[in-house]
Amino acid sequence: MLVLTRKSQESVVVGGSAGREPMLKVTVLEISKGKVRLGFEAGKEVLVHRWELWVRMQEGEPAAPGPG
């Protein structure tokens, strides 16, 4: 596991290399009252799910409707 420290408005990029677009950009939007709000930017071909929904989908359960 890679562990990084980021402050509010700082980002991490996943994938992409010289001359290529990153697969995913994660930005810390806000840190407040023990919670962190993250923003995800990804191409339309990259699916982004909350972990608990992804696990349920892997177990064959349908994902709940709405944003995931």
N, C-alpha and C. Protein backbone atom coordinates (compact mmCIF):
# COMPACT_ATOMS: atom_id res chain seq x y z
N MET A 1 0.85 -1.17 0.00
CA MET A 1 0.00 0.00 0.00
C MET A 1 0.90 1.23 0.00
N LEU A 2 0.60 2.15 -0.86
CA LEU A 2 1.28 3.44 -0.90
C LEU A 2 0.52 4.41 -0.02
N VAL A 3 1.20 5.06 0.90
CA VAL A 3 0.57 6.02 1.79
C VAL A 3 1.16 7.40 1.51
N LEU A 4 0.31 8.36 1.21
CA LEU A 4 0.73 9.72 0.90
C LEU A 4 0.04 10.70 1.83
N THR A 5 0.69 11.81 2.08
CA THR A 5 0.10 12.88 2.85
C THR A 5 -0.18 14.04 1.90
N ARG A 6 -1.40 14.54 1.91
CA ARG A 6 -1.80 15.65 1.05
C ARG A 6 -2.55 16.66 1.90
N LYS A 7 -2.41 17.91 1.57
CA LYS A 7 -3.16 18.98 2.22
C LYS A 7 -4.36 19.32 1.35
N SER A 8 -5.27 20.13 1.87
CA SER A 8 -6.44 20.55 1.11
C SER A 8 -5.99 21.20 -0.20
N GLN A 9 -6.66 20.85 -1.27
CA GLN A 9 -6.43 21.32 -2.63
C GLN A 9 -5.20 20.72 -3.29
N GLU A 10 -4.55 19.75 -2.67
CA GLU A 10 -3.45 19.03 -3.29
C GLU A 10 -3.98 17.74 -3.91
N SER A 11 -3.29 17.25 -4.94
CA SER A 11 -3.78 16.11 -5.71
C SER A 11 -2.76 14.99 -5.81
N VAL A 12 -3.26 13.83 -6.23
CA VAL A 12 -2.46 12.66 -6.55
C VAL A 12 -2.96 12.18 -7.92
N VAL A 13 -2.03 11.75 -8.77
CA VAL A 13 -2.38 11.25 -10.09
C VAL A 13 -2.06 9.76 -10.15
N VAL A 14 -2.99 8.98 -10.71
CA VAL A 14 -2.82 7.54 -10.87
C VAL A 14 -2.72 7.24 -12.36
N GLY A 15 -1.72 6.49 -12.74
CA GLY A 15 -1.53 6.11 -14.14
C GLY A 15 -0.97 7.27 -14.94
N GLY A 16 -0.84 7.05 -16.24
CA GLY A 16 -0.27 8.07 -17.10
C GLY A 16 1.24 8.10 -16.94
N SER A 17 1.91 8.38 -18.00
CA SER A 17 3.36 8.50 -17.97
C SER A 17 3.74 9.61 -18.95
N ALA A 18 4.97 9.75 -19.23
CA ALA A 18 5.42 10.83 -20.12
C ALA A 18 4.59 10.85 -21.40
N GLY A 19 3.93 11.97 -21.64
CA GLY A 19 3.14 12.13 -22.86
C GLY A 19 1.77 11.49 -22.84
N ARG A 20 1.37 10.91 -21.72
CA ARG A 20 0.05 10.25 -21.63
C ARG A 20 -0.78 10.91 -20.56
N GLU A 21 -2.08 10.92 -20.77
CA GLU A 21 -3.01 11.47 -19.79
C GLU A 21 -3.10 10.55 -18.58
N PRO A 22 -3.26 11.11 -17.37
CA PRO A 22 -3.44 10.25 -16.20
C PRO A 22 -4.79 9.53 -16.26
N MET A 23 -4.86 8.35 -15.66
CA MET A 23 -6.11 7.60 -15.61
C MET A 23 -7.06 8.20 -14.58
N LEU A 24 -6.50 8.72 -13.49
CA LEU A 24 -7.31 9.20 -12.39
C LEU A 24 -6.56 10.30 -11.64
N LYS A 25 -7.27 11.37 -11.33
CA LYS A 25 -6.71 12.44 -10.50
C LYS A 25 -7.60 12.56 -9.27
N VAL A 26 -6.99 12.46 -8.10
CA VAL A 26 -7.71 12.55 -6.83
C VAL A 26 -7.24 13.81 -6.11
N THR A 27 -8.18 14.68 -5.76
CA THR A 27 -7.86 15.94 -5.09
C THR A 27 -8.55 16.00 -3.74
N VAL A 28 -7.79 16.40 -2.71
CA VAL A 28 -8.38 16.63 -1.38
C VAL A 28 -9.12 17.96 -1.47
N LEU A 29 -10.44 17.92 -1.34
CA LEU A 29 -11.25 19.13 -1.46
C LEU A 29 -11.41 19.84 -0.13
N GLU A 30 -11.58 19.05 0.94
CA GLU A 30 -11.86 19.65 2.24
C GLU A 30 -11.52 18.66 3.34
N ILE A 31 -11.02 19.17 4.44
CA ILE A 31 -10.78 18.38 5.64
C ILE A 31 -11.49 19.10 6.77
N SER A 32 -12.50 18.44 7.36
CA SER A 32 -13.30 19.11 8.38
C SER A 32 -13.93 18.09 9.31
N LYS A 33 -13.86 18.33 10.59
CA LYS A 33 -14.52 17.51 11.61
C LYS A 33 -14.19 16.02 11.46
N GLY A 34 -12.93 15.72 11.19
CA GLY A 34 -12.51 14.33 11.09
C GLY A 34 -12.89 13.64 9.80
N LYS A 35 -13.39 14.38 8.81
CA LYS A 35 -13.76 13.80 7.51
C LYS A 35 -12.97 14.48 6.41
N VAL A 36 -12.71 13.71 5.36
CA VAL A 36 -11.99 14.21 4.20
C VAL A 36 -12.90 14.09 2.99
N ARG A 37 -13.07 15.18 2.24
CA ARG A 37 -13.84 15.15 0.99
C ARG A 37 -12.83 15.07 -0.15
N LEU A 38 -13.02 14.07 -1.02
CA LEU A 38 -12.13 13.85 -2.14
C LEU A 38 -12.87 14.10 -3.45
N GLY A 39 -12.18 14.65 -4.42
CA GLY A 39 -12.72 14.82 -5.76
C GLY A 39 -11.97 13.91 -6.71
N PHE A 40 -12.70 13.23 -7.61
CA PHE A 40 -12.10 12.31 -8.55
C PHE A 40 -12.34 12.80 -9.97
N GLU A 41 -11.27 12.88 -10.75
CA GLU A 41 -11.38 13.22 -12.17
C GLU A 41 -10.83 12.04 -12.96
N ALA A 42 -11.67 11.49 -13.85
CA ALA A 42 -11.26 10.35 -14.65
C ALA A 42 -11.96 10.43 -16.00
N GLY A 43 -11.36 9.80 -16.99
CA GLY A 43 -12.00 9.71 -18.29
C GLY A 43 -13.29 8.90 -18.20
N LYS A 44 -14.15 9.07 -19.18
CA LYS A 44 -15.44 8.36 -19.17
C LYS A 44 -15.28 6.84 -19.17
N GLU A 45 -14.14 6.37 -19.68
CA GLU A 45 -13.92 4.92 -19.75
C GLU A 45 -13.48 4.32 -18.42
N VAL A 46 -13.17 5.17 -17.44
CA VAL A 46 -12.72 4.70 -16.12
C VAL A 46 -13.90 4.73 -15.16
N LEU A 47 -14.27 3.56 -14.66
CA LEU A 47 -15.36 3.47 -13.69
C LEU A 47 -14.81 3.72 -12.29
N VAL A 48 -15.50 4.53 -11.51
CA VAL A 48 -15.09 4.84 -10.14
C VAL A 48 -16.25 4.47 -9.22
N HIS A 49 -15.99 3.59 -8.24
CA HIS A 49 -17.02 3.13 -7.31
C HIS A 49 -16.52 3.27 -5.88
N ARG A 50 -17.42 3.44 -4.95
CA ARG A 50 -17.05 3.30 -3.54
C ARG A 50 -16.69 1.83 -3.32
N TRP A 51 -15.74 1.61 -2.40
CA TRP A 51 -15.24 0.25 -2.17
C TRP A 51 -16.37 -0.73 -1.85
N GLU A 52 -17.28 -0.36 -0.93
CA GLU A 52 -18.32 -1.30 -0.51
C GLU A 52 -19.25 -1.69 -1.66
N LEU A 53 -19.49 -0.78 -2.63
CA LEU A 53 -20.31 -1.12 -3.79
C LEU A 53 -19.54 -2.04 -4.73
N TRP A 54 -18.26 -1.77 -4.90
CA TRP A 54 -17.43 -2.61 -5.76
C TRP A 54 -17.41 -4.04 -5.25
N VAL A 55 -17.28 -4.22 -3.92
CA VAL A 55 -17.26 -5.56 -3.33
C VAL A 55 -18.58 -6.26 -3.60
N ARG A 56 -19.69 -5.55 -3.41
CA ARG A 56 -21.00 -6.16 -3.67
C ARG A 56 -21.14 -6.57 -5.13
N MET A 57 -20.66 -5.75 -6.04
CA MET A 57 -20.73 -6.10 -7.47
C MET A 57 -19.88 -7.34 -7.76
N GLN A 58 -18.73 -7.47 -7.11
CA GLN A 58 -17.88 -8.64 -7.31
C GLN A 58 -18.54 -9.91 -6.79
N GLU A 59 -19.40 -9.75 -5.80
CA GLU A 59 -20.14 -10.89 -5.24
C GLU A 59 -21.40 -11.20 -6.02
N GLY A 60 -21.63 -10.47 -7.10
CA GLY A 60 -22.77 -10.73 -7.96
C GLY A 60 -24.03 -9.97 -7.60
N GLU A 61 -23.96 -9.12 -6.59
CA GLU A 61 -25.12 -8.32 -6.22
C GLU A 61 -25.18 -7.10 -7.12
N PRO A 62 -26.38 -6.68 -7.54
CA PRO A 62 -26.49 -5.48 -8.35
C PRO A 62 -26.13 -4.24 -7.55
N ALA A 63 -25.53 -3.27 -8.23
CA ALA A 63 -25.22 -1.99 -7.58
C ALA A 63 -26.50 -1.20 -7.39
N ALA A 64 -26.56 -0.44 -6.34
CA ALA A 64 -27.73 0.41 -6.09
C ALA A 64 -27.81 1.47 -7.18
N PRO A 65 -29.01 1.87 -7.58
CA PRO A 65 -29.13 2.92 -8.60
C PRO A 65 -28.63 4.25 -8.07
N GLY A 66 -28.22 5.11 -8.96
CA GLY A 66 -27.75 6.44 -8.57
C GLY A 66 -26.24 6.51 -8.63
N PRO A 67 -25.71 7.66 -8.24
CA PRO A 67 -24.26 7.84 -8.29
C PRO A 67 -23.55 6.82 -7.40
N GLY A 68 -22.41 6.29 -7.88
CA GLY A 68 -21.73 5.28 -7.11
C GLY A 68 -20.39 5.69 -6.72
